[in-house]
Amino acid sequence: MTDDPTDGMTLEEAREWLRKRIDKGAKCPCCRQFVKVYRRKLNSSMARALIHFYTHSPTQWFHADTAMKTMPGSRGDYVKLAYWSLIESKVDQDPDARAGWWRVTSLGRKFVLNDGTTVDSHAVLYDGIVLRRDGDPISIVAALGRHFNYNELMAERPFSLEPQ
């Protein structure tokens, strides 16, 4: 097999060619879509967002737009918390639900409470699907890093994000 895909490849040859390149990324010889496996780290912004969600709405559904408006400097990384099953989408529970509604899972609450619960530091993804989690187990404090103070973040409780 050559380094470049050819039009005469069988489907199995194309799959094998792509499997060898999936970590760095390559265009699929069949559909020409870019294909890559991504390794995402549970970062400090995500950990901060999880604490924010927990302190404002520990068990109820909240709307992401409302939640993110109350957190200065926030980014859209919070949705990646679902890769670790720390938050869940209401759409996953009810296909008729409107997008944007989330809640902290039981695992997410334990993780936030820093009770010894850890998660793997990375999620390995293909096409938005978690293939596996790997890396060293980390706590919420380790995920926050040096940028944020766990005790200060847990003390924040200006208002609730719970639906009225």
C-alpha atoms as a PDB file:
ATOM      1  CA  MET A   1       0.000   0.000   0.000  1.00  0.00           C
ATOM      2  CA  THR A   2       1.301   3.516  -0.834  1.00  0.00           C
ATOM      3  CA  ASP A   3       1.538   6.572   1.381  1.00  0.00           C
ATOM      4  CA  ASP A   4      -1.209   8.273  -0.613  1.00  0.00           C
ATOM      5  CA  PRO A   5      -4.678   6.801  -1.080  1.00  0.00           C
ATOM      6  CA  THR A   6      -5.601   5.650  -4.562  1.00  0.00           C
ATOM      7  CA  ASP A   7      -8.898   5.460  -6.385  1.00  0.00           C
ATOM      8  CA  GLY A   8      -8.446   1.717  -6.853  1.00  0.00           C
ATOM      9  CA  MET A   9      -8.264   0.928  -3.109  1.00  0.00           C
ATOM     10  CA  THR A  10     -10.717  -1.521  -1.672  1.00  0.00           C
ATOM     11  CA  LEU A  11     -12.820  -0.339   1.249  1.00  0.00           C
ATOM     12  CA  GLU A  12     -10.735  -2.472   3.626  1.00  0.00           C
ATOM     13  CA  GLU A  13      -7.483  -0.985   2.252  1.00  0.00           C
ATOM     14  CA  ALA A  14      -8.902   2.523   2.698  1.00  0.00           C
ATOM     15  CA  ARG A  15      -9.872   1.719   6.298  1.00  0.00           C
ATOM     16  CA  GLU A  16      -6.403   0.359   7.052  1.00  0.00           C
ATOM     17  CA  TRP A  17      -4.768   3.393   5.409  1.00  0.00           C
ATOM     18  CA  LEU A  18      -6.905   5.735   7.549  1.00  0.00           C
ATOM     19  CA  ARG A  19      -6.381   3.780  10.806  1.00  0.00           C
ATOM     20  CA  LYS A  20      -2.629   4.386  10.486  1.00  0.00           C
ATOM     21  CA  ARG A  21      -3.197   8.147  10.234  1.00  0.00           C
ATOM     22  CA  ILE A  22      -6.160   8.762  12.536  1.00  0.00           C
ATOM     23  CA  ASP A  23      -4.088  10.126  15.452  1.00  0.00           C
ATOM     24  CA  LYS A  24      -2.496  12.881  13.344  1.00  0.00           C
ATOM     25  CA  GLY A  25      -5.508  13.284  11.104  1.00  0.00           C
ATOM     26  CA  ALA A  26      -6.077  12.707   7.387  1.00  0.00           C
ATOM     27  CA  LYS A  27      -8.764  13.033   4.749  1.00  0.00           C
ATOM     28  CA  CYS A  28     -10.754   9.855   4.371  1.00  0.00           C
ATOM     29  CA  PRO A  29     -10.017   8.338   0.954  1.00  0.00           C
ATOM     30  CA  CYS A  30     -13.704   7.398   0.602  1.00  0.00           C
ATOM     31  CA  CYS A  31     -15.608  10.542   1.620  1.00  0.00           C
ATOM     32  CA  ARG A  32     -12.784  13.144   1.772  1.00  0.00           C
ATOM     33  CA  GLN A  33     -13.872  14.233   5.265  1.00  0.00           C
ATOM     34  CA  PHE A  34     -11.044  15.101   7.669  1.00  0.00           C
ATOM     35  CA  VAL A  35     -10.768  12.332  10.258  1.00  0.00           C
ATOM     36  CA  LYS A  36      -8.898  12.621  13.556  1.00  0.00           C
ATOM     37  CA  VAL A  37      -8.971  11.258  17.074  1.00  0.00           C
ATOM     38  CA  TYR A  38      -8.688  14.056  19.635  1.00  0.00           C
ATOM     39  CA  ARG A  39      -7.402  13.808  23.197  1.00  0.00           C
ATOM     40  CA  ARG A  40      -9.072  16.449  25.395  1.00  0.00           C
ATOM     41  CA  LYS A  41      -7.924  17.411  28.869  1.00  0.00           C
ATOM     42  CA  LEU A  42     -10.295  18.255  31.702  1.00  0.00           C
ATOM     43  CA  ASN A  43      -9.008  21.800  32.155  1.00  0.00           C
ATOM     44  CA  SER A  44      -9.347  24.486  34.796  1.00  0.00           C
ATOM     45  CA  SER A  45     -12.056  26.396  32.899  1.00  0.00           C
ATOM     46  CA  MET A  46     -14.201  23.280  32.748  1.00  0.00           C
ATOM     47  CA  ALA A  47     -13.636  22.548  36.452  1.00  0.00           C
ATOM     48  CA  ARG A  48     -14.548  26.139  37.318  1.00  0.00           C
ATOM     49  CA  ALA A  49     -17.734  25.916  35.227  1.00  0.00           C
ATOM     50  CA  LEU A  50     -18.723  22.657  36.946  1.00  0.00           C
ATOM     51  CA  ILE A  51     -18.339  24.270  40.367  1.00  0.00           C
ATOM     52  CA  HIS A  52     -20.352  27.258  39.151  1.00  0.00           C
ATOM     53  CA  PHE A  53     -23.174  24.989  37.954  1.00  0.00           C
ATOM     54  CA  TYR A  54     -23.116  22.991  41.177  1.00  0.00           C
ATOM     55  CA  THR A  55     -23.145  25.999  43.511  1.00  0.00           C
ATOM     56  CA  HIS A  56     -26.080  27.556  41.663  1.00  0.00           C
ATOM     57  CA  SER A  57     -28.112  24.500  40.699  1.00  0.00           C
ATOM     58  CA  PRO A  58     -26.776  21.309  42.295  1.00  0.00           C
ATOM     59  CA  THR A  59     -29.556  18.947  41.183  1.00  0.00           C
ATOM     60  CA  GLN A  60     -31.906  20.865  38.871  1.00  0.00           C
ATOM     61  CA  TRP A  61     -31.781  21.522  35.139  1.00  0.00           C
ATOM     62  CA  PHE A  62     -30.311  24.870  34.139  1.00  0.00           C
ATOM     63  CA  HIS A  63     -30.037  26.625  30.807  1.00  0.00           C
ATOM     64  CA  ALA A  64     -26.482  27.086  29.575  1.00  0.00           C
ATOM     65  CA  ASP A  65     -27.046  30.617  28.252  1.00  0.00           C
ATOM     66  CA  THR A  66     -28.264  31.823  31.649  1.00  0.00           C
ATOM     67  CA  ALA A  67     -25.515  30.011  33.501  1.00  0.00           C
ATOM     68  CA  MET A  68     -22.703  31.312  31.342  1.00  0.00           C
ATOM     69  CA  LYS A  69     -23.909  34.921  31.579  1.00  0.00           C
ATOM     70  CA  THR A  70     -23.367  34.723  35.332  1.00  0.00           C
ATOM     71  CA  MET A  71     -19.763  33.550  35.008  1.00  0.00           C
ATOM     72  CA  PRO A  72     -17.368  36.241  33.762  1.00  0.00           C
ATOM     73  CA  GLY A  73     -14.676  35.049  31.370  1.00  0.00           C
ATOM     74  CA  SER A  74     -16.448  31.782  30.661  1.00  0.00           C
ATOM     75  CA  ARG A  75     -15.991  29.809  27.467  1.00  0.00           C
ATOM     76  CA  GLY A  76     -18.014  27.123  25.761  1.00  0.00           C
ATOM     77  CA  ASP A  77     -15.749  24.375  27.130  1.00  0.00           C
ATOM     78  CA  TYR A  78     -18.346  23.494  29.759  1.00  0.00           C
ATOM     79  CA  VAL A  79     -20.221  21.191  27.332  1.00  0.00           C
ATOM     80  CA  LYS A  80     -17.142  18.965  27.246  1.00  0.00           C
ATOM     81  CA  LEU A  81     -17.834  18.076  30.886  1.00  0.00           C
ATOM     82  CA  ALA A  82     -20.292  15.564  29.434  1.00  0.00           C
ATOM     83  CA  TYR A  83     -17.302  13.581  28.077  1.00  0.00           C
ATOM     84  CA  TRP A  84     -16.527  12.671  31.710  1.00  0.00           C
ATOM     85  CA  SER A  85     -20.236  12.214  32.618  1.00  0.00           C
ATOM     86  CA  LEU A  86     -19.983  15.186  34.989  1.00  0.00           C
ATOM     87  CA  ILE A  87     -22.989  16.935  33.391  1.00  0.00           C
ATOM     88  CA  GLU A  88     -25.815  15.598  31.251  1.00  0.00           C
ATOM     89  CA  SER A  89     -27.951  17.134  28.545  1.00  0.00           C
ATOM     90  CA  LYS A  90     -31.713  17.158  28.927  1.00  0.00           C
ATOM     91  CA  VAL A  91     -31.971  16.199  25.242  1.00  0.00           C
ATOM     92  CA  ASP A  92     -30.263  12.890  26.106  1.00  0.00           C
ATOM     93  CA  GLN A  93     -33.055  12.222  28.631  1.00  0.00           C
ATOM     94  CA  ASP A  94     -35.923  13.598  26.555  1.00  0.00           C
ATOM     95  CA  PRO A  95     -35.516  13.887  22.760  1.00  0.00           C
ATOM     96  CA  ASP A  96     -38.358  16.439  22.683  1.00  0.00           C
ATOM     97  CA  ALA A  97     -36.541  18.771  25.097  1.00  0.00           C
ATOM     98  CA  ARG A  98     -35.014  22.000  23.856  1.00  0.00           C
ATOM     99  CA  ALA A  99     -31.246  22.120  23.507  1.00  0.00           C
ATOM    100  CA  GLY A 100     -29.162  24.005  26.034  1.00  0.00           C
ATOM    101  CA  TRP A 101     -30.554  22.465  29.230  1.00  0.00           C
ATOM    102  CA  TRP A 102     -28.036  20.667  31.459  1.00  0.00           C
ATOM    103  CA  ARG A 103     -27.653  19.351  34.979  1.00  0.00           C
ATOM    104  CA  VAL A 104     -24.803  18.175  37.134  1.00  0.00           C
ATOM    105  CA  THR A 105     -24.741  14.364  37.445  1.00  0.00           C
ATOM    106  CA  SER A 106     -24.272  12.408  40.656  1.00  0.00           C
ATOM    107  CA  LEU A 107     -20.630  11.829  39.669  1.00  0.00           C
ATOM    108  CA  GLY A 108     -20.292  15.556  38.962  1.00  0.00           C
ATOM    109  CA  ARG A 109     -21.625  16.455  42.420  1.00  0.00           C
ATOM    110  CA  LYS A 110     -19.229  14.027  44.132  1.00  0.00           C
ATOM    111  CA  PHE A 111     -16.338  15.368  42.055  1.00  0.00           C
ATOM    112  CA  VAL A 112     -17.190  18.986  42.956  1.00  0.00           C
ATOM    113  CA  LEU A 113     -17.471  18.146  46.663  1.00  0.00           C
ATOM    114  CA  ASN A 114     -13.867  16.900  46.571  1.00  0.00           C
ATOM    115  CA  ASP A 115     -14.771  13.777  48.531  1.00  0.00           C
ATOM    116  CA  GLY A 116     -11.965  11.702  47.036  1.00  0.00           C
ATOM    117  CA  THR A 117     -13.780  11.164  43.731  1.00  0.00           C
ATOM    118  CA  THR A 118     -11.459  11.380  40.743  1.00  0.00           C
ATOM    119  CA  VAL A 119     -11.838  11.166  36.971  1.00  0.00           C
ATOM    120  CA  ASP A 120      -9.300  10.421  34.269  1.00  0.00           C
ATOM    121  CA  SER A 121      -7.536  13.577  33.127  1.00  0.00           C
ATOM    122  CA  HIS A 122      -8.289  13.071  29.420  1.00  0.00           C
ATOM    123  CA  ALA A 123     -11.085  11.948  27.110  1.00  0.00           C
ATOM    124  CA  VAL A 124     -10.234  10.437  23.732  1.00  0.00           C
ATOM    125  CA  LEU A 125     -12.808  11.418  21.079  1.00  0.00           C
ATOM    126  CA  TYR A 126     -13.716  10.610  17.537  1.00  0.00           C
ATOM    127  CA  ASP A 127     -16.488  12.549  15.815  1.00  0.00           C
ATOM    128  CA  GLY A 128     -17.722  13.867  19.177  1.00  0.00           C
ATOM    129  CA  ILE A 129     -17.996  10.366  20.644  1.00  0.00           C
ATOM    130  CA  VAL A 130     -15.948   9.302  23.661  1.00  0.00           C
ATOM    131  CA  LEU A 131     -13.835   6.310  22.679  1.00  0.00           C
ATOM    132  CA  ARG A 132     -12.243   6.068  26.103  1.00  0.00           C
ATOM    133  CA  ARG A 133     -10.958   8.114  29.013  1.00  0.00           C
ATOM    134  CA  ASP A 134      -7.328   7.929  29.986  1.00  0.00           C
ATOM    135  CA  GLY A 135      -4.551   9.728  31.795  1.00  0.00           C
ATOM    136  CA  ASP A 136      -3.886  10.072  35.479  1.00  0.00           C
ATOM    137  CA  PRO A 137      -6.840  10.238  37.874  1.00  0.00           C
ATOM    138  CA  ILE A 138      -7.395  13.841  38.973  1.00  0.00           C
ATOM    139  CA  SER A 139      -9.475  15.540  41.649  1.00  0.00           C
ATOM    140  CA  ILE A 140     -11.407  18.783  41.213  1.00  0.00           C
ATOM    141  CA  VAL A 141      -8.583  20.653  42.963  1.00  0.00           C
ATOM    142  CA  ALA A 142      -5.991  19.203  40.565  1.00  0.00           C
ATOM    143  CA  ALA A 143      -8.213  20.046  37.582  1.00  0.00           C
ATOM    144  CA  LEU A 144      -8.496  23.655  38.775  1.00  0.00           C
ATOM    145  CA  GLY A 145      -4.727  23.995  38.817  1.00  0.00           C
ATOM    146  CA  ARG A 146      -3.145  27.127  40.219  1.00  0.00           C
ATOM    147  CA  HIS A 147      -5.528  29.530  38.500  1.00  0.00           C
ATOM    148  CA  PHE A 148      -8.452  29.092  40.867  1.00  0.00           C
ATOM    149  CA  ASN A 149      -8.946  28.700  44.595  1.00  0.00           C
ATOM    150  CA  TYR A 150     -11.308  25.802  45.345  1.00  0.00           C
ATOM    151  CA  ASN A 151     -12.571  27.264  48.645  1.00  0.00           C
ATOM    152  CA  GLU A 152     -13.329  30.664  47.097  1.00  0.00           C
ATOM    153  CA  LEU A 153     -15.205  29.086  44.193  1.00  0.00           C
ATOM    154  CA  MET A 154     -17.254  26.880  46.497  1.00  0.00           C
ATOM    155  CA  ALA A 155     -18.218  29.912  48.606  1.00  0.00           C
ATOM    156  CA  GLU A 156     -19.836  31.730  45.644  1.00  0.00           C
ATOM    157  CA  ARG A 157     -23.629  31.611  45.858  1.00  0.00           C
ATOM    158  CA  PRO A 158     -25.092  34.914  44.615  1.00  0.00           C
ATOM    159  CA  PHE A 159     -28.290  33.406  43.140  1.00  0.00           C
ATOM    160  CA  SER A 160     -29.832  30.239  41.755  1.00  0.00           C
ATOM    161  CA  LEU A 161     -29.861  29.052  38.159  1.00  0.00           C
ATOM    162  CA  GLU A 162     -32.803  26.781  38.848  1.00  0.00           C
ATOM    163  CA  PRO A 163     -35.857  27.347  36.648  1.00  0.00           C
ATOM    164  CA  GLN A 164     -38.547  29.555  38.164  1.00  0.00           C
END
